Amino acid sequence: MDCNEAIHQIYHYLDGVLTDESRAAIARHLDFCPPCSGGYHFEVELKVLIARKCRDDVPPDLRRRIAESIGHELPPATTA
């Protein structure tokens, strides 16, 4: 596997949607290619940061109005 192919597949690799064979090929490439490995680690950190920081608390009224405008029913509200 070359760098172009590895980079092209890196998001699929991160999301775990590749075959075992493809995952193994990318893992081997990352083990021996510092530039691609660095890019991979950057993407992992970015994905974690986005998951941690980009969580919006949407007010229930806004959530209801959006659901109504697109014609969806919301599940019953749960209390924690």
PDB file of N, CA and C in Angstrom:
ATOM      1  N   MET A   1       0.851  -1.175   0.000  1.00  0.00           N
ATOM      2  CA  MET A   1       0.000   0.000   0.000  1.00  0.00           C
ATOM      3  C   MET A   1       0.896   1.236   0.000  1.00  0.00           C
ATOM      4  N   ASP A   2       0.542   2.208  -0.846  1.00  0.00           N
ATOM      5  CA  ASP A   2       1.325   3.446  -0.879  1.00  0.00           C
ATOM      6  C   ASP A   2       0.640   4.530  -0.045  1.00  0.00           C
ATOM      7  N   CYS A   3       1.325   5.657   0.107  1.00  0.00           N
ATOM      8  CA  CYS A   3       0.820   6.743   0.958  1.00  0.00           C
ATOM      9  C   CYS A   3      -0.517   7.285   0.469  1.00  0.00           C
ATOM     10  N   ASN A   4      -0.669   7.464  -0.843  1.00  0.00           N
ATOM     11  CA  ASN A   4      -1.930   8.003  -1.368  1.00  0.00           C
ATOM     12  C   ASN A   4      -3.105   7.104  -1.007  1.00  0.00           C
ATOM     13  N   GLU A   5      -2.933   5.802  -1.161  1.00  0.00           N
ATOM     14  CA  GLU A   5      -4.004   4.876  -0.843  1.00  0.00           C
ATOM     15  C   GLU A   5      -4.281   4.859   0.663  1.00  0.00           C
ATOM     16  N   ALA A   6      -3.222   4.888   1.472  1.00  0.00           N
ATOM     17  CA  ALA A   6      -3.396   4.890   2.931  1.00  0.00           C
ATOM     18  C   ALA A   6      -4.155   6.127   3.388  1.00  0.00           C
ATOM     19  N   ILE A   7      -3.766   7.284   2.882  1.00  0.00           N
ATOM     20  CA  ILE A   7      -4.434   8.531   3.268  1.00  0.00           C
ATOM     21  C   ILE A   7      -5.881   8.532   2.784  1.00  0.00           C
ATOM     22  N   HIS A   8      -6.113   8.002   1.596  1.00  0.00           N
ATOM     23  CA  HIS A   8      -7.473   7.936   1.050  1.00  0.00           C
ATOM     24  C   HIS A   8      -8.373   7.077   1.943  1.00  0.00           C
ATOM     25  N   GLN A   9      -7.826   6.055   2.570  1.00  0.00           N
ATOM     26  CA  GLN A   9      -8.598   5.118   3.381  1.00  0.00           C
ATOM     27  C   GLN A   9      -8.593   5.440   4.874  1.00  0.00           C
ATOM     28  N   ILE A  10      -7.843   6.457   5.298  1.00  0.00           N
ATOM     29  CA  ILE A  10      -7.618   6.679   6.721  1.00  0.00           C
ATOM     30  C   ILE A  10      -8.917   6.939   7.501  1.00  0.00           C
ATOM     31  N   TYR A  11      -9.868   7.659   6.917  1.00  0.00           N
ATOM     32  CA  TYR A  11     -11.120   7.918   7.634  1.00  0.00           C
ATOM     33  C   TYR A  11     -11.948   6.646   7.776  1.00  0.00           C
ATOM     34  N   HIS A  12     -11.916   5.813   6.756  1.00  0.00           N
ATOM     35  CA  HIS A  12     -12.603   4.520   6.849  1.00  0.00           C
ATOM     36  C   HIS A  12     -11.932   3.652   7.918  1.00  0.00           C
ATOM     37  N   TYR A  13     -10.615   3.746   7.987  1.00  0.00           N
ATOM     38  CA  TYR A  13      -9.851   3.016   9.005  1.00  0.00           C
ATOM     39  C   TYR A  13     -10.241   3.502  10.401  1.00  0.00           C
ATOM     40  N   LEU A  14     -10.291   4.810  10.570  1.00  0.00           N
ATOM     41  CA  LEU A  14     -10.671   5.394  11.867  1.00  0.00           C
ATOM     42  C   LEU A  14     -12.093   4.997  12.271  1.00  0.00           C
ATOM     43  N   ASP A  15     -12.982   4.904  11.302  1.00  0.00           N
ATOM     44  CA  ASP A  15     -14.379   4.583  11.594  1.00  0.00           C
ATOM     45  C   ASP A  15     -14.627   3.078  11.712  1.00  0.00           C
ATOM     46  N   GLY A  16     -13.606   2.264  11.429  1.00  0.00           N
ATOM     47  CA  GLY A  16     -13.727   0.821  11.571  1.00  0.00           C
ATOM     48  C   GLY A  16     -14.627   0.169  10.544  1.00  0.00           C
ATOM     49  N   VAL A  17     -14.682   0.721   9.345  1.00  0.00           N
ATOM     50  CA  VAL A  17     -15.582   0.173   8.335  1.00  0.00           C
ATOM     51  C   VAL A  17     -14.861  -0.580   7.222  1.00  0.00           C
ATOM     52  N   LEU A  18     -13.600  -0.899   7.424  1.00  0.00           N
ATOM     53  CA  LEU A  18     -12.836  -1.642   6.422  1.00  0.00           C
ATOM     54  C   LEU A  18     -12.821  -3.129   6.744  1.00  0.00           C
ATOM     55  N   THR A  19     -12.479  -3.904   5.746  1.00  0.00           N
ATOM     56  CA  THR A  19     -12.304  -5.335   5.976  1.00  0.00           C
ATOM     57  C   THR A  19     -11.074  -5.535   6.846  1.00  0.00           C
ATOM     58  N   ASP A  20     -10.977  -6.698   7.454  1.00  0.00           N
ATOM     59  CA  ASP A  20      -9.803  -7.006   8.275  1.00  0.00           C
ATOM     60  C   ASP A  20      -8.523  -6.921   7.455  1.00  0.00           C
ATOM     61  N   GLU A  21      -8.587  -7.379   6.220  1.00  0.00           N
ATOM     62  CA  GLU A  21      -7.413  -7.343   5.332  1.00  0.00           C
ATOM     63  C   GLU A  21      -6.978  -5.902   5.055  1.00  0.00           C
ATOM     64  N   SER A  22      -7.935  -5.029   4.753  1.00  0.00           N
ATOM     65  CA  SER A  22      -7.614  -3.621   4.491  1.00  0.00           C
ATOM     66  C   SER A  22      -7.084  -2.934   5.740  1.00  0.00           C
ATOM     67  N   ARG A  23      -7.689  -3.224   6.899  1.00  0.00           N
ATOM     68  CA  ARG A  23      -7.210  -2.645   8.156  1.00  0.00           C
ATOM     69  C   ARG A  23      -5.772  -3.065   8.428  1.00  0.00           C
ATOM     70  N   ALA A  24      -5.466  -4.327   8.190  1.00  0.00           N
ATOM     71  CA  ALA A  24      -4.111  -4.831   8.423  1.00  0.00           C
ATOM     72  C   ALA A  24      -3.117  -4.158   7.481  1.00  0.00           C
ATOM     73  N   ALA A  25      -3.503  -3.956   6.227  1.00  0.00           N
ATOM     74  CA  ALA A  25      -2.612  -3.305   5.257  1.00  0.00           C
ATOM     75  C   ALA A  25      -2.320  -1.866   5.666  1.00  0.00           C
ATOM     76  N   ILE A  26      -3.336  -1.140   6.115  1.00  0.00           N
ATOM     77  CA  ILE A  26      -3.118   0.240   6.552  1.00  0.00           C
ATOM     78  C   ILE A  26      -2.282   0.265   7.826  1.00  0.00           C
ATOM     79  N   ALA A  27      -2.556  -0.639   8.754  1.00  0.00           N
ATOM     80  CA  ALA A  27      -1.774  -0.693   9.990  1.00  0.00           C
ATOM     81  C   ALA A  27      -0.302  -0.945   9.689  1.00  0.00           C
ATOM     82  N   ARG A  28      -0.014  -1.861   8.769  1.00  0.00           N
ATOM     83  CA  ARG A  28       1.390  -2.118   8.376  1.00  0.00           C
ATOM     84  C   ARG A  28       2.008  -0.866   7.788  1.00  0.00           C
ATOM     85  N   HIS A  29       1.254  -0.178   6.926  1.00  0.00           N
ATOM     86  CA  HIS A  29       1.779   1.038   6.314  1.00  0.00           C
ATOM     87  C   HIS A  29       2.073   2.090   7.385  1.00  0.00           C
ATOM     88  N   LEU A  30       1.147   2.276   8.321  1.00  0.00           N
ATOM     89  CA  LEU A  30       1.343   3.272   9.375  1.00  0.00           C
ATOM     90  C   LEU A  30       2.537   2.927  10.265  1.00  0.00           C
ATOM     91  N   ASP A  31       2.794   1.639  10.459  1.00  0.00           N
ATOM     92  CA  ASP A  31       3.944   1.218  11.265  1.00  0.00           C
ATOM     93  C   ASP A  31       5.272   1.627  10.651  1.00  0.00           C
ATOM     94  N   PHE A  32       5.316   1.717   9.316  1.00  0.00           N
ATOM     95  CA  PHE A  32       6.582   1.969   8.638  1.00  0.00           C
ATOM     96  C   PHE A  32       6.659   3.315   7.920  1.00  0.00           C
ATOM     97  N   CYS A  33       5.648   4.143   8.056  1.00  0.00           N
ATOM     98  CA  CYS A  33       5.636   5.422   7.345  1.00  0.00           C
ATOM     99  C   CYS A  33       5.364   6.554   8.344  1.00  0.00           C
ATOM    100  N   PRO A  34       6.429   7.188   8.849  1.00  0.00           N
ATOM    101  CA  PRO A  34       6.243   8.262   9.830  1.00  0.00           C
ATOM    102  C   PRO A  34       5.327   9.405   9.368  1.00  0.00           C
ATOM    103  N   PRO A  35       5.414   9.875   8.112  1.00  0.00           N
ATOM    104  CA  PRO A  35       4.503  10.964   7.729  1.00  0.00           C
ATOM    105  C   PRO A  35       3.023  10.558   7.801  1.00  0.00           C
ATOM    106  N   CYS A  36       2.703   9.372   7.315  1.00  0.00           N
ATOM    107  CA  CYS A  36       1.306   8.918   7.371  1.00  0.00           C
ATOM    108  C   CYS A  36       0.894   8.631   8.815  1.00  0.00           C
ATOM    109  N   SER A  37       1.798   8.071   9.590  1.00  0.00           N
ATOM    110  CA  SER A  37       1.509   7.786  10.986  1.00  0.00           C
ATOM    111  C   SER A  37       1.222   9.078  11.747  1.00  0.00           C
ATOM    112  N   GLY A  38       2.007  10.109  11.467  1.00  0.00           N
ATOM    113  CA  GLY A  38       1.776  11.410  12.105  1.00  0.00           C
ATOM    114  C   GLY A  38       0.420  11.975  11.733  1.00  0.00           C
ATOM    115  N   GLY A  39       0.065  11.855  10.463  1.00  0.00           N
ATOM    116  CA  GLY A  39      -1.245  12.317  10.009  1.00  0.00           C
ATOM    117  C   GLY A  39      -2.374  11.537  10.657  1.00  0.00           C
ATOM    118  N   TYR A  40      -2.169  10.240  10.799  1.00  0.00           N
ATOM    119  CA  TYR A  40      -3.166   9.388  11.442  1.00  0.00           C
ATOM    120  C   TYR A  40      -3.372   9.810  12.899  1.00  0.00           C
ATOM    121  N   HIS A  41      -2.277  10.005  13.626  1.00  0.00           N
ATOM    122  CA  HIS A  41      -2.390  10.391  15.034  1.00  0.00           C
ATOM    123  C   HIS A  41      -3.047  11.765  15.192  1.00  0.00           C
ATOM    124  N   PHE A  42      -2.779  12.671  14.264  1.00  0.00           N
ATOM    125  CA  PHE A  42      -3.443  13.973  14.274  1.00  0.00           C
ATOM    126  C   PHE A  42      -4.946  13.786  14.117  1.00  0.00           C
ATOM    127  N   GLU A  43      -5.358  12.968  13.159  1.00  0.00           N
ATOM    128  CA  GLU A  43      -6.783  12.740  12.910  1.00  0.00           C
ATOM    129  C   GLU A  43      -7.465  12.077  14.106  1.00  0.00           C
ATOM    130  N   VAL A  44      -6.769  11.157  14.774  1.00  0.00           N
ATOM    131  CA  VAL A  44      -7.323  10.520  15.971  1.00  0.00           C
ATOM    132  C   VAL A  44      -7.567  11.576  17.045  1.00  0.00           C
ATOM    133  N   GLU A  45      -6.566  12.427  17.285  1.00  0.00           N
ATOM    134  CA  GLU A  45      -6.713  13.465  18.304  1.00  0.00           C
ATOM    135  C   GLU A  45      -7.815  14.450  17.940  1.00  0.00           C
ATOM    136  N   LEU A  46      -7.912  14.807  16.662  1.00  0.00           N
ATOM    137  CA  LEU A  46      -8.952  15.725  16.209  1.00  0.00           C
ATOM    138  C   LEU A  46     -10.335  15.117  16.411  1.00  0.00           C
ATOM    139  N   LYS A  47     -10.481  13.856  16.073  1.00  0.00           N
ATOM    140  CA  LYS A  47     -11.767  13.177  16.235  1.00  0.00           C
ATOM    141  C   LYS A  47     -12.181  13.132  17.711  1.00  0.00           C
ATOM    142  N   VAL A  48     -11.237  12.858  18.596  1.00  0.00           N
ATOM    143  CA  VAL A  48     -11.526  12.817  20.035  1.00  0.00           C
ATOM    144  C   VAL A  48     -11.916  14.212  20.527  1.00  0.00           C
ATOM    145  N   LEU A  49     -11.175  15.221  20.106  1.00  0.00           N
ATOM    146  CA  LEU A  49     -11.471  16.599  20.517  1.00  0.00           C
ATOM    147  C   LEU A  49     -12.855  17.033  20.057  1.00  0.00           C
ATOM    148  N   ILE A  50     -13.177  16.740  18.811  1.00  0.00           N
ATOM    149  CA  ILE A  50     -14.495  17.112  18.293  1.00  0.00           C
ATOM    150  C   ILE A  50     -15.593  16.394  19.069  1.00  0.00           C
ATOM    151  N   ALA A  51     -15.406  15.118  19.325  1.00  0.00           N
ATOM    152  CA  ALA A  51     -16.414  14.349  20.063  1.00  0.00           C
ATOM    153  C   ALA A  51     -16.608  14.905  21.470  1.00  0.00           C
ATOM    154  N   ARG A  52     -15.524  15.364  22.076  1.00  0.00           N
ATOM    155  CA  ARG A  52     -15.602  15.864  23.446  1.00  0.00           C
ATOM    156  C   ARG A  52     -16.165  17.284  23.512  1.00  0.00           C
ATOM    157  N   LYS A  53     -15.794  18.132  22.579  1.00  0.00           N
ATOM    158  CA  LYS A  53     -16.125  19.557  22.668  1.00  0.00           C
ATOM    159  C   LYS A  53     -17.349  19.976  21.878  1.00  0.00           C
ATOM    160  N   CYS A  54     -17.753  19.221  20.908  1.00  0.00           N
ATOM    161  CA  CYS A  54     -18.834  19.655  20.019  1.00  0.00           C
ATOM    162  C   CYS A  54     -20.145  18.975  20.363  1.00  0.00           C
ATOM    163  N   ARG A  55     -20.520  19.093  21.592  1.00  0.00           N
ATOM    164  CA  ARG A  55     -21.809  18.570  22.044  1.00  0.00           C
ATOM    165  C   ARG A  55     -22.661  19.753  22.460  1.00  0.00           C
ATOM    166  N   ASP A  56     -23.689  19.968  21.707  1.00  0.00           N
ATOM    167  CA  ASP A  56     -24.587  21.079  22.012  1.00  0.00           C
ATOM    168  C   ASP A  56     -25.773  20.584  22.809  1.00  0.00           C
ATOM    169  N   ASP A  57     -26.139  21.344  23.819  1.00  0.00           N
ATOM    170  CA  ASP A  57     -27.376  21.091  24.544  1.00  0.00           C
ATOM    171  C   ASP A  57     -28.446  21.931  23.873  1.00  0.00           C
ATOM    172  N   VAL A  58     -29.326  21.247  23.171  1.00  0.00           N
ATOM    173  CA  VAL A  58     -30.381  21.934  22.445  1.00  0.00           C
ATOM    174  C   VAL A  58     -31.592  22.057  23.357  1.00  0.00           C
ATOM    175  N   PRO A  59     -32.107  23.273  23.518  1.00  0.00           N
ATOM    176  CA  PRO A  59     -33.297  23.443  24.351  1.00  0.00           C
ATOM    177  C   PRO A  59     -34.446  22.583  23.816  1.00  0.00           C
ATOM    178  N   PRO A  60     -35.219  21.980  24.726  1.00  0.00           N
ATOM    179  CA  PRO A  60     -36.319  21.096  24.300  1.00  0.00           C
ATOM    180  C   PRO A  60     -37.301  21.762  23.337  1.00  0.00           C
ATOM    181  N   ASP A  61     -37.606  23.050  23.556  1.00  0.00           N
ATOM    182  CA  ASP A  61     -38.543  23.744  22.680  1.00  0.00           C
ATOM    183  C   ASP A  61     -37.991  23.848  21.257  1.00  0.00           C
ATOM    184  N   LEU A  62     -36.713  24.155  21.127  1.00  0.00           N
ATOM    185  CA  LEU A  62     -36.091  24.239  19.810  1.00  0.00           C
ATOM    186  C   LEU A  62     -36.077  22.866  19.143  1.00  0.00           C
ATOM    187  N   ARG A  63     -35.743  21.848  19.894  1.00  0.00           N
ATOM    188  CA  ARG A  63     -35.737  20.482  19.382  1.00  0.00           C
ATOM    189  C   ARG A  63     -37.132  20.110  18.852  1.00  0.00           C
ATOM    190  N   ARG A  64     -38.172  20.463  19.604  1.00  0.00           N
ATOM    191  CA  ARG A  64     -39.556  20.175  19.206  1.00  0.00           C
ATOM    192  C   ARG A  64     -39.919  20.913  17.927  1.00  0.00           C
ATOM    193  N   ARG A  65     -39.564  22.209  17.849  1.00  0.00           N
ATOM    194  CA  ARG A  65     -39.895  22.997  16.649  1.00  0.00           C
ATOM    195  C   ARG A  65     -39.186  22.467  15.418  1.00  0.00           C
ATOM    196  N   ILE A  66     -37.947  22.058  15.569  1.00  0.00           N
ATOM    197  CA  ILE A  66     -37.214  21.488  14.429  1.00  0.00           C
ATOM    198  C   ILE A  66     -37.877  20.189  13.983  1.00  0.00           C
ATOM    199  N   ALA A  67     -38.208  19.333  14.939  1.00  0.00           N
ATOM    200  CA  ALA A  67     -38.858  18.064  14.612  1.00  0.00           C
ATOM    201  C   ALA A  67     -40.181  18.306  13.894  1.00  0.00           C
ATOM    202  N   GLU A  68     -40.953  19.260  14.390  1.00  0.00           N
ATOM    203  CA  GLU A  68     -42.235  19.577  13.752  1.00  0.00           C
ATOM    204  C   GLU A  68     -42.035  20.089  12.332  1.00  0.00           C
ATOM    205  N   SER A  69     -41.012  20.915  12.128  1.00  0.00           N
ATOM    206  CA  SER A  69     -40.804  21.507  10.808  1.00  0.00           C
ATOM    207  C   SER A  69     -40.360  20.475   9.770  1.00  0.00           C
ATOM    208  N   ILE A  70     -39.736  19.393  10.207  1.00  0.00           N
ATOM    209  CA  ILE A  70     -39.333  18.357   9.252  1.00  0.00           C
ATOM    210  C   ILE A  70     -40.262  17.152   9.294  1.00  0.00           C
ATOM    211  N   GLY A  71     -41.312  17.261  10.102  1.00  0.00           N
ATOM    212  CA  GLY A  71     -42.330  16.228  10.118  1.00  0.00           C
ATOM    213  C   GLY A  71     -41.966  14.965  10.871  1.00  0.00           C
ATOM    214  N   HIS A  72     -41.126  15.078  11.892  1.00  0.00           N
ATOM    215  CA  HIS A  72     -40.749  13.921  12.706  1.00  0.00           C
ATOM    216  C   HIS A  72     -41.322  14.041  14.101  1.00  0.00           C
ATOM    217  N   GLU A  73     -41.588  12.882  14.673  1.00  0.00           N
ATOM    218  CA  GLU A  73     -42.007  12.853  16.069  1.00  0.00           C
ATOM    219  C   GLU A  73     -40.782  12.614  16.919  1.00  0.00           C
ATOM    220  N   LEU A  74     -40.722  13.292  18.056  1.00  0.00           N
ATOM    221  CA  LEU A  74     -39.635  13.083  19.001  1.00  0.00           C
ATOM    222  C   LEU A  74     -40.000  11.950  19.964  1.00  0.00           C
ATOM    223  N   PRO A  75     -38.999  11.199  20.414  1.00  0.00           N
ATOM    224  CA  PRO A  75     -39.296  10.211  21.449  1.00  0.00           C
ATOM    225  C   PRO A  75     -39.653  10.944  22.739  1.00  0.00           C
ATOM    226  N   PRO A  76     -40.364  10.279  23.641  1.00  0.00           N
ATOM    227  CA  PRO A  76     -40.708  10.933  24.911  1.00  0.00           C
ATOM    228  C   PRO A  76     -39.436  11.385  25.639  1.00  0.00           C
ATOM    229  N   ALA A  77     -39.526  12.542  26.290  1.00  0.00           N
ATOM    230  CA  ALA A  77     -38.371  13.056  27.056  1.00  0.00           C
ATOM    231  C   ALA A  77     -38.090  12.134  28.226  1.00  0.00           C
ATOM    232  N   THR A  78     -36.791  11.933  28.469  1.00  0.00           N
ATOM    233  CA  THR A  78     -36.407  11.120  29.615  1.00  0.00           C
ATOM    234  C   THR A  78     -35.826  12.026  30.676  1.00  0.00           C
ATOM    235  N   THR A  79     -36.012  11.660  31.902  1.00  0.00           N
ATOM    236  CA  THR A  79     -35.432  12.425  33.003  1.00  0.00           C
ATOM    237  C   THR A  79     -34.318  11.608  33.612  1.00  0.00           C
ATOM    238  N   ALA A  80     -33.238  12.290  33.948  1.00  0.00           N
ATOM    239  CA  ALA A  80     -32.069  11.584  34.494  1.00  0.00           C
ATOM    240  C   ALA A  80     -32.056  11.654  35.989  1.00  0.00           C
TER     241      ALA A  80
END
